[in-house]
Amino acid sequence: MTAATAGPSGTNLFSTVGAAENGLFRKNPEALVVGKDGRPSSIRVRESLGMGLDERAIEAVTRWRFRAATLNGQPVATQIAVEVDFHLY
């Protein structure tokens, strides 16, 4: 079985005002299922950051596309973990 891979480079997330005021800029781990078509589903936050960041992370991950895992050369759905990084520029 080969693992699912992604290419969501360049996804920009805008931090919420509440997060900026509290100096909260860190990673938001999430679990999701990558379907046979490479689309994410069943996205859930594993460690909540609050202040609107969880919702922003889910919103971004929903737009990502992955290369599905394969088993015997056929695409299969698989559960993976990803991290969304929040940065202030």
Protein backbone atom coordinates (compact mmCIF):
# COMPACT_ATOMS: atom_id res chain seq x y z
CA MET A 1 0.00 0.00 0.00
CA THR A 2 1.34 3.44 -0.87
CA ALA A 3 0.50 6.41 1.32
CA ALA A 4 -1.66 9.35 0.36
CA THR A 5 0.34 12.44 -0.56
CA ALA A 6 -0.63 16.07 -0.86
CA GLY A 7 0.48 19.21 -2.59
CA PRO A 8 -1.32 22.05 -0.81
CA SER A 9 1.65 24.41 -1.04
CA GLY A 10 0.95 28.09 -0.94
CA THR A 11 -2.32 27.89 0.96
CA ASN A 12 -2.65 31.17 2.80
CA LEU A 13 -4.60 31.29 6.02
CA PHE A 14 -5.43 34.62 7.59
CA SER A 15 -5.27 34.54 11.36
CA THR A 16 -8.21 35.82 13.31
CA VAL A 17 -7.99 39.07 15.25
CA GLY A 18 -8.45 37.19 18.54
CA ALA A 19 -5.53 34.94 17.76
CA ALA A 20 -3.32 37.85 16.79
CA GLU A 21 -4.16 39.75 19.95
CA ASN A 22 -3.23 36.71 22.04
CA GLY A 23 -0.01 36.00 20.15
CA LEU A 24 -1.28 32.57 19.12
CA PHE A 25 0.54 31.38 16.02
CA ARG A 26 1.19 27.66 15.98
CA LYS A 27 0.26 24.33 14.46
CA ASN A 28 -3.23 22.88 14.32
CA PRO A 29 -3.15 19.07 13.98
CA GLU A 30 -6.07 17.49 12.17
CA ALA A 31 -7.15 14.00 11.11
CA LEU A 32 -8.98 13.33 7.87
CA VAL A 33 -9.87 10.67 5.35
CA VAL A 34 -8.47 10.95 1.83
CA GLY A 35 -10.98 9.41 -0.55
CA LYS A 36 -10.28 7.42 -3.70
CA ASP A 37 -10.73 10.68 -5.62
CA GLY A 38 -8.12 12.51 -3.51
CA ARG A 39 -10.65 14.72 -1.77
CA PRO A 40 -10.50 15.12 2.02
CA SER A 41 -13.50 14.21 4.17
CA SER A 42 -14.31 13.53 7.82
CA ILE A 43 -11.97 16.35 8.83
CA ARG A 44 -11.62 16.72 12.58
CA VAL A 45 -9.41 18.85 14.76
CA ARG A 46 -7.25 16.77 17.09
CA GLU A 47 -6.03 19.66 19.24
CA SER A 48 -8.17 22.78 19.34
CA LEU A 49 -6.54 26.20 19.16
CA GLY A 50 -9.78 28.15 19.54
CA MET A 51 -10.27 31.80 18.52
CA GLY A 52 -11.55 30.84 15.08
CA LEU A 53 -8.35 29.07 14.02
CA ASP A 54 -9.90 25.59 14.02
CA GLU A 55 -12.56 26.73 11.56
CA ARG A 56 -9.95 28.42 9.34
CA ALA A 57 -7.82 25.27 9.29
CA ILE A 58 -10.79 23.07 8.35
CA GLU A 59 -11.79 25.56 5.65
CA ALA A 60 -8.31 25.41 4.11
CA VAL A 61 -7.93 21.63 4.32
CA THR A 62 -11.30 21.20 2.60
CA ARG A 63 -9.76 22.85 -0.49
CA TRP A 64 -6.64 20.65 -0.55
CA ARG A 65 -6.34 17.79 -3.03
CA PHE A 66 -4.31 14.64 -2.40
CA ARG A 67 -2.98 11.75 -4.41
CA ALA A 68 -4.91 8.77 -3.04
CA ALA A 69 -3.20 5.83 -1.40
CA THR A 70 -3.17 2.68 -3.48
CA LEU A 71 -3.51 -1.01 -2.76
CA ASN A 72 -2.65 -3.47 -5.53
CA GLY A 73 -2.53 -0.53 -7.93
CA GLN A 74 -6.06 0.65 -7.09
CA PRO A 75 -6.87 3.89 -5.23
CA VAL A 76 -8.24 3.38 -1.71
CA ALA A 77 -9.55 5.70 0.99
CA THR A 78 -7.20 6.11 3.93
CA GLN A 79 -7.03 8.10 7.15
CA ILE A 80 -4.12 10.49 7.56
CA ALA A 81 -2.99 13.25 9.92
CA VAL A 82 -1.98 16.71 8.74
CA GLU A 83 -0.86 19.92 10.42
CA VAL A 84 -1.89 23.42 9.44
CA ASP A 85 0.66 26.10 10.34
CA PHE A 86 -0.44 29.61 11.22
CA HIS A 87 2.07 32.42 10.71
CA LEU A 88 1.92 36.18 11.10
CA TYR A 89 3.82 38.06 8.41
